[in-house]
Amino acid sequence: MAGMNFKQIETFRAVMLTGSMTVAAQQLHTSQPNVSRVIGKLEAELGFELFDRLPGRVVATKGAEALFKEVERAFVGLDSLSESARAIRDVGVGTLRVAAAASISLSVLPLAVRMFSEKYPLVRIVLDTSESHVIANWIATQHCDIGFVSNIADKPGVVASVIHTESAVCVVPARHPLARKKRLIPEDLTGERFISLPSGSLSRRAIDAAFSDGARIMALETPFAATICRMVSEGLGVSLVNPIVSRTMTFPGVVAIPFKPDIPFRSYMLRAQLAPRDTHVNHFVSCMRAAFKSM
């Protein structure tokens, strides 16, 4: 049996199951003479006859019966493999490791996880939250399958792409005089205590470029938009943040106001450069895109 190819095995099995080379040929979408040739060649290679040819039918020999038992064991294994493949495709198994910056973890990520779990309820998801440069290291070492960050750094082995962009909003205390305005500009924040993102980040540089030196009072600095909004709710100052955070999280006593000029807040997706294609990762990316659009 070691020298048998799959076509011979399939043809032999079809003849055994139907008892007819003609019917077997119909099932295999080929001709009866072709089936007869395949069986004849197989018999020659095996060194014994498989069938007694009778008018309109064939009768299996004892050798064929013994061989058929071995063939069926092999086909049961193939059926099991096929079923396993279907289960992986339709249901999903294993673990998906996702890393995200705090602003994304607290806003968009939960909705994306719900969408993903509706299709792959058996896939275990491990969520890690940290700063963007740490997440880039996790992706480079493939500690995590995919990452979502608000800032990118040049990290070898990591491919970054923009997954979402929005313009900054100004968050002010609800009782602040600026809260009555429908739109704010840099001059409106002159002399205001400002709660800022950390120095060096792309968003911080874009915000600072919109203001003249000394216009704001740089009162506080923190890397997390949620923390900034809480500080604003305590009346500690005003700030510019990603609108996704202010929309998806409730901060009592905080008003979010459109700001001009537009200052983009970009969210990035990080993938390992040499990571293999993964159905679960690709679907999770689709869920993240849908979640961003629905916010």
Protein backbone atom coordinates (compact mmCIF):
# COMPACT_ATOMS: atom_id res chain seq x y z
CA MET A 1 0.00 0.00 0.00
CA ALA A 2 3.01 2.23 0.50
CA GLY A 3 3.31 2.82 -3.26
CA MET A 4 -0.36 3.61 -3.83
CA ASN A 5 -1.22 7.17 -4.80
CA PHE A 6 -4.37 8.97 -3.76
CA LYS A 7 -6.09 8.54 -7.14
CA GLN A 8 -5.65 4.77 -6.93
CA ILE A 9 -6.92 4.67 -3.34
CA GLU A 10 -9.94 6.84 -4.18
CA THR A 11 -10.79 4.73 -7.24
CA PHE A 12 -10.38 1.44 -5.39
CA ARG A 13 -12.58 2.67 -2.54
CA ALA A 14 -15.30 3.86 -4.93
CA VAL A 15 -15.41 0.45 -6.67
CA MET A 16 -15.52 -1.35 -3.31
CA LEU A 17 -18.40 0.79 -2.07
CA THR A 18 -20.47 0.58 -5.28
CA GLY A 19 -19.61 -2.92 -6.50
CA SER A 20 -19.47 -1.52 -10.02
CA MET A 21 -16.80 0.18 -12.08
CA THR A 22 -19.48 1.99 -14.07
CA VAL A 23 -21.16 3.49 -10.98
CA ALA A 24 -17.76 4.26 -9.47
CA ALA A 25 -16.83 6.15 -12.62
CA GLN A 26 -20.02 8.21 -12.37
CA GLN A 27 -19.24 9.13 -8.76
CA LEU A 28 -15.67 10.06 -9.62
CA HIS A 29 -16.77 12.05 -12.70
CA THR A 30 -14.63 9.97 -15.05
CA SER A 31 -15.13 7.12 -17.54
CA GLN A 32 -15.55 3.41 -16.86
CA PRO A 33 -12.51 2.52 -19.00
CA ASN A 34 -10.41 4.95 -17.00
CA VAL A 35 -11.53 3.33 -13.72
CA SER A 36 -10.72 -0.08 -15.17
CA ARG A 37 -7.24 1.10 -16.17
CA VAL A 38 -6.52 2.51 -12.71
CA ILE A 39 -7.64 -0.69 -11.00
CA GLY A 40 -5.65 -2.83 -13.46
CA LYS A 41 -2.49 -0.83 -12.83
CA LEU A 42 -3.04 -1.03 -9.09
CA GLU A 43 -3.42 -4.81 -9.24
CA ALA A 44 -0.20 -5.04 -11.22
CA GLU A 45 1.68 -2.94 -8.66
CA LEU A 46 0.24 -4.87 -5.70
CA GLY A 47 0.88 -8.27 -7.24
CA PHE A 48 -2.61 -9.70 -6.61
CA GLU A 49 -6.09 -9.35 -8.06
CA LEU A 50 -8.61 -7.10 -6.37
CA PHE A 51 -11.81 -7.96 -8.25
CA ASP A 52 -13.41 -10.78 -10.16
CA ARG A 53 -15.02 -9.18 -13.22
CA LEU A 54 -18.58 -10.38 -13.78
CA PRO A 55 -21.20 -9.07 -16.26
CA GLY A 56 -22.47 -5.73 -14.92
CA ARG A 57 -20.60 -5.95 -11.61
CA VAL A 58 -17.39 -6.85 -9.85
CA VAL A 59 -16.79 -9.02 -6.78
CA ALA A 60 -14.02 -8.17 -4.35
CA THR A 61 -11.38 -10.79 -3.63
CA LYS A 62 -10.22 -11.62 -0.10
CA GLY A 63 -7.13 -9.51 -0.80
CA ALA A 64 -9.34 -6.56 -1.72
CA GLU A 65 -11.42 -6.98 1.45
CA ALA A 66 -8.27 -6.91 3.59
CA LEU A 67 -6.92 -3.91 1.72
CA PHE A 68 -10.26 -2.10 2.02
CA LYS A 69 -10.12 -2.30 5.84
CA GLU A 70 -6.78 -0.48 5.79
CA VAL A 71 -8.05 2.08 3.30
CA GLU A 72 -11.10 2.81 5.47
CA ARG A 73 -8.89 3.41 8.50
CA ALA A 74 -6.94 5.95 6.47
CA PHE A 75 -10.12 7.66 5.22
CA VAL A 76 -11.50 7.90 8.75
CA GLY A 77 -8.35 9.79 9.64
CA LEU A 78 -8.77 12.09 6.65
CA ASP A 79 -12.39 12.75 7.58
CA SER A 80 -11.29 13.60 11.11
CA LEU A 81 -8.71 16.05 9.78
CA SER A 82 -11.29 17.66 7.51
CA GLU A 83 -13.70 18.04 10.41
CA SER A 84 -10.98 19.62 12.54
CA ALA A 85 -10.16 22.07 9.75
CA ARG A 86 -13.82 23.03 9.43
CA ALA A 87 -14.03 23.58 13.19
CA ILE A 88 -10.99 25.87 13.14
CA ARG A 89 -12.47 27.84 10.25
CA ASP A 90 -16.03 28.10 11.54
CA VAL A 91 -15.64 28.12 15.32
CA GLY A 92 -12.06 29.00 16.09
CA VAL A 93 -9.72 27.67 18.73
CA GLY A 94 -6.63 28.85 20.57
CA THR A 95 -5.62 32.18 22.05
CA LEU A 96 -5.42 35.67 20.55
CA ARG A 97 -3.11 38.14 22.33
CA VAL A 98 -4.01 41.80 21.80
CA ALA A 99 -2.12 44.80 23.15
CA ALA A 100 -3.52 48.34 23.21
CA ALA A 101 -2.79 51.75 24.60
CA ALA A 102 -4.96 52.76 27.55
CA SER A 103 -7.10 55.20 25.56
CA ILE A 104 -7.97 52.46 23.06
CA SER A 105 -8.41 49.76 25.72
CA LEU A 106 -10.95 51.88 27.57
CA SER A 107 -12.92 53.03 24.53
CA VAL A 108 -12.85 51.07 21.28
CA LEU A 109 -11.40 47.73 22.29
CA PRO A 110 -14.35 46.35 24.33
CA LEU A 111 -16.73 46.76 21.38
CA ALA A 112 -14.27 45.08 19.01
CA VAL A 113 -13.86 42.17 21.44
CA ARG A 114 -17.63 41.71 21.58
CA MET A 115 -17.87 41.67 17.77
CA PHE A 116 -15.02 39.17 17.51
CA SER A 117 -16.43 36.88 20.21
CA GLU A 118 -19.78 36.71 18.45
CA LYS A 119 -18.06 34.87 15.57
CA TYR A 120 -15.31 33.06 17.51
CA PRO A 121 -16.72 32.42 21.00
CA LEU A 122 -14.19 29.68 21.75
CA VAL A 123 -11.11 31.78 21.06
CA ARG A 124 -9.54 32.96 24.30
CA ILE A 125 -8.48 36.62 24.15
CA VAL A 126 -5.65 37.96 26.30
CA LEU A 127 -5.58 41.76 26.51
CA ASP A 128 -2.45 43.67 27.54
CA THR A 129 -2.33 47.43 28.12
CA SER A 130 0.78 49.56 28.23
CA GLU A 131 2.50 52.51 26.64
CA SER A 132 3.04 52.55 22.90
CA HIS A 133 6.79 51.83 22.91
CA VAL A 134 6.27 48.82 25.20
CA ILE A 135 3.56 47.47 22.90
CA ALA A 136 5.92 47.85 19.94
CA ASN A 137 8.44 45.63 21.78
CA TRP A 138 5.72 43.04 22.46
CA ILE A 139 4.84 42.95 18.76
CA ALA A 140 8.48 42.73 17.65
CA THR A 141 9.05 39.71 19.90
CA GLN A 142 5.61 38.27 18.97
CA HIS A 143 4.60 38.24 22.62
CA CYS A 144 1.35 39.71 21.26
CA ASP A 145 -0.30 38.98 17.93
CA ILE A 146 -1.44 42.55 17.22
CA GLY A 147 -1.20 45.96 18.85
CA PHE A 148 -3.10 49.24 18.75
CA VAL A 149 -1.34 52.42 19.83
CA SER A 150 -1.66 56.18 19.72
CA ASN A 151 2.04 56.85 19.07
CA ILE A 152 4.55 55.00 16.95
CA ALA A 153 8.29 54.55 17.26
CA ASP A 154 10.76 53.21 14.72
CA LYS A 155 11.01 49.60 15.85
CA PRO A 156 12.75 46.99 13.66
CA GLY A 157 10.50 44.10 12.72
CA VAL A 158 7.28 46.04 13.35
CA VAL A 159 4.94 47.35 10.65
CA ALA A 160 2.69 50.26 11.63
CA SER A 161 -0.36 51.49 9.75
CA VAL A 162 -3.02 54.09 10.54
CA ILE A 163 -6.31 52.48 11.48
CA HIS A 164 -8.26 55.62 12.48
CA THR A 165 -7.89 59.41 12.54
CA GLU A 166 -9.96 62.08 14.32
CA SER A 167 -9.49 65.74 15.15
CA ALA A 168 -8.85 66.80 18.74
CA VAL A 169 -11.57 68.27 20.94
CA CYS A 170 -11.04 70.66 23.80
CA VAL A 171 -12.24 69.40 27.18
CA VAL A 172 -13.16 72.04 29.76
CA PRO A 173 -15.00 72.00 33.11
CA ALA A 174 -18.76 72.32 32.64
CA ARG A 175 -18.86 75.51 34.76
CA HIS A 176 -15.96 77.13 32.92
CA PRO A 177 -16.88 80.22 30.81
CA LEU A 178 -15.44 78.45 27.73
CA ALA A 179 -18.03 75.68 28.10
CA ARG A 180 -20.64 77.96 26.52
CA LYS A 181 -18.71 78.27 23.25
CA LYS A 182 -19.56 76.11 20.24
CA ARG A 183 -15.98 76.11 18.96
CA LEU A 184 -12.62 77.01 20.42
CA ILE A 185 -9.38 78.30 18.90
CA PRO A 186 -5.88 78.57 20.41
CA GLU A 187 -6.39 82.18 21.48
CA ASP A 188 -9.34 81.11 23.67
CA LEU A 189 -6.95 79.12 25.87
CA THR A 190 -4.51 81.97 26.49
CA GLY A 191 -3.75 82.09 30.22
CA GLU A 192 -5.59 78.83 30.91
CA ARG A 193 -4.08 76.05 33.01
CA PHE A 194 -3.37 73.30 30.49
CA ILE A 195 -3.16 69.56 31.15
CA SER A 196 -0.80 68.14 28.59
CA LEU A 197 0.27 64.88 27.05
CA PRO A 198 3.94 63.88 27.62
CA SER A 199 6.74 65.64 25.81
CA GLY A 200 7.99 63.89 22.70
CA SER A 201 4.75 62.27 21.60
CA LEU A 202 3.42 63.02 18.11
CA SER A 203 0.12 64.34 19.48
CA ARG A 204 1.91 66.59 21.97
CA ARG A 205 4.06 68.11 19.22
CA ALA A 206 1.01 68.72 17.01
CA ILE A 207 -0.83 70.43 19.87
CA ASP A 208 2.13 72.58 20.90
CA ALA A 209 2.58 73.74 17.30
CA ALA A 210 -0.89 75.32 17.40
CA PHE A 211 -0.02 77.61 20.32
CA SER A 212 2.43 80.45 20.74
CA ASP A 213 4.98 80.11 23.51
CA GLY A 214 3.69 81.14 26.92
CA ALA A 215 0.06 81.34 25.83
CA ARG A 216 -0.96 78.46 28.09
CA ILE A 217 0.00 77.69 31.64
CA MET A 218 1.47 74.17 31.46
CA ALA A 219 0.06 72.92 34.75
CA LEU A 220 0.03 69.13 34.52
CA GLU A 221 1.32 66.35 32.30
CA THR A 222 0.05 62.76 31.94
CA PRO A 223 0.12 60.15 29.15
CA PHE A 224 -3.50 59.01 29.47
CA ALA A 225 -6.48 60.85 27.99
CA ALA A 226 -8.82 59.32 30.57
CA THR A 227 -6.66 60.76 33.36
CA ILE A 228 -6.65 64.14 31.63
CA CYS A 229 -10.45 64.16 31.48
CA ARG A 230 -10.70 63.28 35.17
CA MET A 231 -8.33 66.13 35.99
CA VAL A 232 -10.52 68.46 33.94
CA SER A 233 -13.60 67.23 35.82
CA GLU A 234 -11.88 68.32 39.06
CA GLY A 235 -11.39 71.80 37.63
CA LEU A 236 -7.62 71.48 37.39
CA GLY A 237 -7.38 72.83 33.86
CA VAL A 238 -8.36 72.35 30.22
CA SER A 239 -6.87 70.14 27.52
CA LEU A 240 -7.05 68.75 23.99
CA VAL A 241 -7.77 65.02 23.71
CA ASN A 242 -8.80 62.31 21.31
CA PRO A 243 -12.60 62.66 20.93
CA ILE A 244 -13.08 58.89 21.08
CA VAL A 245 -12.16 58.96 24.77
CA SER A 246 -14.50 61.83 25.62
CA ARG A 247 -17.36 60.22 23.65
CA THR A 248 -17.12 56.69 24.96
CA MET A 249 -16.36 57.38 28.63
CA THR A 250 -18.47 59.36 31.06
CA PHE A 251 -16.70 62.19 32.85
CA PRO A 252 -19.11 64.19 35.05
CA GLY A 253 -18.64 67.91 34.78
CA VAL A 254 -16.66 67.80 31.51
CA VAL A 255 -17.69 69.39 28.21
CA ALA A 256 -16.01 68.46 24.91
CA ILE A 257 -15.91 71.29 22.35
CA PRO A 258 -14.70 71.19 18.70
CA PHE A 259 -11.32 72.85 18.22
CA LYS A 260 -9.76 74.64 15.25
CA PRO A 261 -7.33 74.28 13.59
CA ASP A 262 -7.75 70.54 13.19
CA ILE A 263 -5.18 68.60 15.20
CA PRO A 264 -5.18 64.94 14.16
CA PHE A 265 -5.20 62.14 16.70
CA ARG A 266 -4.16 58.98 14.91
CA SER A 267 -4.56 55.40 16.08
CA TYR A 268 -2.10 52.88 14.69
CA MET A 269 -2.15 49.14 14.21
CA LEU A 270 1.09 47.26 14.82
CA ARG A 271 1.94 43.87 13.28
CA ALA A 272 5.13 41.84 13.33
CA GLN A 273 6.82 42.08 9.93
CA LEU A 274 7.33 38.32 9.63
CA ALA A 275 4.13 37.22 11.36
CA PRO A 276 2.25 34.46 9.49
CA ARG A 277 -1.22 35.17 8.12
CA ASP A 278 -3.81 34.47 10.78
CA THR A 279 -7.58 34.31 10.22
CA HIS A 280 -8.36 35.34 13.79
CA VAL A 281 -6.02 38.33 13.72
CA ASN A 282 -7.42 39.49 10.38
CA HIS A 283 -10.98 39.25 11.66
CA PHE A 284 -10.07 41.13 14.84
CA VAL A 285 -8.64 43.94 12.70
CA SER A 286 -11.97 44.11 10.84
CA CYS A 287 -13.78 44.32 14.18
CA MET A 288 -11.51 47.17 15.31
CA ARG A 289 -12.18 49.11 12.11
CA ALA A 290 -15.92 48.63 12.56
CA ALA A 291 -15.71 49.65 16.22
CA PHE A 292 -13.83 52.86 15.40
CA LYS A 293 -16.41 53.77 12.75
CA SER A 294 -19.32 53.21 15.13
CA MET A 295 -17.93 55.38 17.90
